[in-house]
N, C-alpha and C. Protein backbone atom coordinates (compact mmCIF):
# COMPACT_ATOMS: atom_id res chain seq x y z
N UNK A 1 24.52 -9.91 0.51
CA UNK A 1 23.04 -9.41 0.94
C UNK A 1 22.54 -8.43 0.45
N UNK A 2 20.45 -8.89 0.55
CA UNK A 2 20.00 -7.54 0.06
C UNK A 2 19.37 -7.39 0.97
N UNK A 3 19.40 -5.95 0.67
CA UNK A 3 18.95 -4.71 2.03
C UNK A 3 17.31 -4.44 1.44
N UNK A 4 16.25 -4.51 2.01
CA UNK A 4 15.12 -4.07 2.49
C UNK A 4 14.39 -2.77 2.90
N UNK A 5 13.18 -2.78 2.36
CA UNK A 5 13.23 -1.27 3.11
C UNK A 5 10.99 -1.61 2.82
N UNK A 6 10.32 -1.48 4.18
CA UNK A 6 9.33 -1.52 3.86
C UNK A 6 8.56 -0.71 4.30
N UNK A 7 7.47 -0.12 3.44
CA UNK A 7 7.15 1.68 3.73
C UNK A 7 5.53 0.75 3.63
N UNK A 8 4.87 1.42 4.83
CA UNK A 8 3.53 1.13 5.18
C UNK A 8 2.44 2.57 4.17
N UNK A 9 1.49 2.21 3.28
CA UNK A 9 0.82 3.42 2.94
C UNK A 9 -0.14 3.46 3.05
N UNK A 10 -1.01 4.39 3.88
CA UNK A 10 -1.76 4.90 4.06
C UNK A 10 -3.09 5.56 2.76
N UNK A 11 -4.55 5.78 3.30
CA UNK A 11 -5.60 6.12 2.57
C UNK A 11 -5.85 7.69 3.56
N UNK A 12 -5.98 8.69 3.01
CA UNK A 12 -6.38 9.35 3.90
C UNK A 12 -7.05 10.30 2.88
N UNK A 13 -8.23 10.55 2.63
CA UNK A 13 -9.35 11.20 1.38
C UNK A 13 -10.63 11.89 1.95
N UNK A 14 -10.45 12.73 1.06
CA UNK A 14 -11.63 13.43 1.67
C UNK A 14 -13.19 12.42 2.01
N UNK A 15 -13.93 12.24 2.54
CA UNK A 15 -14.97 11.34 3.09
C UNK A 15 -14.54 10.21 4.22
N UNK A 16 -13.44 10.00 4.81
CA UNK A 16 -13.01 9.19 5.60
C UNK A 16 -12.82 9.05 6.77
N UNK A 17 -13.40 8.62 7.52
CA UNK A 17 -13.20 8.45 8.95
C UNK A 17 -11.53 9.12 9.81
N UNK A 18 -11.05 7.64 9.71
CA UNK A 18 -9.60 8.22 9.74
C UNK A 18 -8.73 7.46 8.67
N UNK A 19 -7.25 7.35 9.33
CA UNK A 19 -6.46 7.47 7.91
C UNK A 19 -6.62 4.98 8.20
N UNK A 20 -6.53 4.96 6.81
CA UNK A 20 -7.07 3.24 6.74
C UNK A 20 -5.41 2.80 6.28
N UNK A 21 -4.66 1.89 6.45
CA UNK A 21 -3.43 1.05 6.09
C UNK A 21 -4.21 -0.36 4.37
N UNK A 22 -3.47 0.64 3.21
CA UNK A 22 -3.83 -0.31 2.27
C UNK A 22 -2.73 -1.52 1.67
N UNK A 23 -1.42 -1.37 2.60
CA UNK A 23 -1.10 -2.44 2.18
C UNK A 23 0.09 -1.58 2.55
N UNK A 24 1.50 -2.07 2.31
CA UNK A 24 3.17 -2.46 2.01
C UNK A 24 4.06 -2.28 0.99
N UNK A 25 4.79 -1.21 0.64
CA UNK A 25 4.96 -1.06 -0.40
C UNK A 25 6.79 -1.84 -0.26
N UNK A 26 7.20 -2.45 -0.69
CA UNK A 26 8.98 -3.57 -0.72
C UNK A 26 9.54 -2.51 -1.44
N UNK A 27 10.45 -2.14 -0.92
CA UNK A 27 11.97 -1.57 -2.27
C UNK A 27 12.66 -2.26 -1.86
N UNK A 28 13.77 -3.42 -2.34
CA UNK A 28 15.06 -4.96 -2.09
C UNK A 28 16.17 -4.18 -3.03
N UNK A 29 17.51 -3.73 -2.64
CA UNK A 29 18.41 -4.08 -3.87
C UNK A 29 19.19 -5.19 -3.66
N UNK A 30 19.15 -5.65 -4.34
CA UNK A 30 20.53 -6.55 -4.47
C UNK A 30 21.26 -7.02 -5.57
N UNK A 31 22.31 -6.73 -5.69
CA UNK A 31 22.99 -7.65 -6.45
C UNK A 31 23.59 -6.09 -7.64
N UNK A 32 23.17 -4.78 -7.46
CA UNK A 32 23.40 -3.44 -7.59
C UNK A 32 21.66 -3.12 -8.77
N UNK A 33 20.33 -4.27 -8.40
CA UNK A 33 19.32 -3.98 -8.94
C UNK A 33 18.54 -3.34 -8.00
N UNK A 34 17.60 -2.89 -8.21
CA UNK A 34 16.46 -2.11 -7.15
C UNK A 34 15.51 -3.07 -7.64
N UNK A 35 14.31 -3.68 -6.82
CA UNK A 35 12.57 -4.01 -6.70
C UNK A 35 11.83 -3.72 -6.33
N UNK A 36 11.12 -3.62 -6.76
CA UNK A 36 9.75 -3.03 -5.98
C UNK A 36 8.65 -3.80 -5.41
N UNK A 37 7.77 -4.02 -4.80
CA UNK A 37 6.33 -5.35 -5.61
C UNK A 37 5.58 -4.34 -3.77
N UNK A 38 4.41 -4.52 -3.61
CA UNK A 38 3.41 -4.52 -3.25
C UNK A 38 2.16 -5.65 -2.76
N UNK A 39 1.52 -5.15 -2.04
CA UNK A 39 0.91 -6.06 -1.35
C UNK A 39 -0.12 -5.32 -0.37
N UNK A 40 -1.35 -5.51 -0.72
CA UNK A 40 -2.74 -5.17 0.24
C UNK A 40 -2.56 -5.76 1.03
N UNK A 41 -3.23 -5.27 2.03
CA UNK A 41 -3.61 -5.03 3.34
C UNK A 41 -4.81 -6.14 3.30
N UNK A 42 -5.24 -7.16 4.16
CA UNK A 42 -6.48 -8.17 4.13
C UNK A 42 -7.90 -7.21 4.26
N UNK A 43 -7.94 -6.39 4.97
CA UNK A 43 -8.81 -5.37 6.09
C UNK A 43 -9.03 -4.60 4.86
N UNK A 44 -8.05 -4.33 4.16
CA UNK A 44 -8.40 -2.98 2.89
C UNK A 44 -9.12 -3.71 1.89
N UNK A 45 -9.15 -4.89 1.73
CA UNK A 45 -9.10 -5.34 0.18
C UNK A 45 -10.84 -6.08 1.11
N UNK A 46 -10.80 -6.15 1.70
CA UNK A 46 -12.44 -6.71 1.95
C UNK A 46 -12.93 -5.61 2.68
N UNK A 47 -13.09 -4.29 2.71
CA UNK A 47 -13.72 -3.08 3.27
C UNK A 47 -14.20 -2.94 1.58
N UNK A 48 -15.32 -1.92 2.37
CA UNK A 48 -16.14 -1.14 1.30
C UNK A 48 -15.07 0.67 1.06
N UNK A 49 -14.42 0.60 1.47
CA UNK A 49 -13.82 1.70 1.59
C UNK A 49 -13.15 1.86 0.67
N UNK A 50 -12.73 0.92 -0.06
CA UNK A 50 -11.40 1.10 -0.94
C UNK A 50 -12.28 1.04 -2.48
N UNK A 51 -13.47 1.15 -2.81
CA UNK A 51 -14.38 1.20 -3.74
C UNK A 51 -13.87 2.95 -4.27
N UNK A 52 -14.01 2.70 -5.25
CA UNK A 52 -14.05 4.68 -5.47
C UNK A 52 -15.50 5.05 -6.17
N UNK A 53 -15.70 5.87 -6.51
CA UNK A 53 -17.14 6.55 -7.26
C UNK A 53 -17.04 6.50 -8.67
N UNK A 54 -17.83 5.48 -9.16
CA UNK A 54 -18.16 5.32 -10.97
C UNK A 54 -17.74 7.22 -11.49
N UNK A 55 -18.05 8.12 -10.96
CA UNK A 55 -17.54 9.05 -11.64
C UNK A 55 -16.58 9.91 -11.91
N UNK A 56 -15.41 8.77 -10.70
CA UNK A 56 -14.08 8.86 -10.63
C UNK A 56 -13.49 9.12 -12.02
C-alpha cells in the first residue's frame, strides 16, 4: 500500500498582505521508492501575486 503525505505550501513574503496558499506538495512512498509532485492552487495561478519583480 502506498503511503502519501500532502503538504500545503504558502507564500508569505515582504509586500504581501497575508499568507497565500501556492499549492500542494505531495510525497508518496511505495515499493521502497519515493516520489514527489507539486500542484499549484488555481487561485494562486489566477492571482497577480505570483508575479516576481523583473529585477529579481
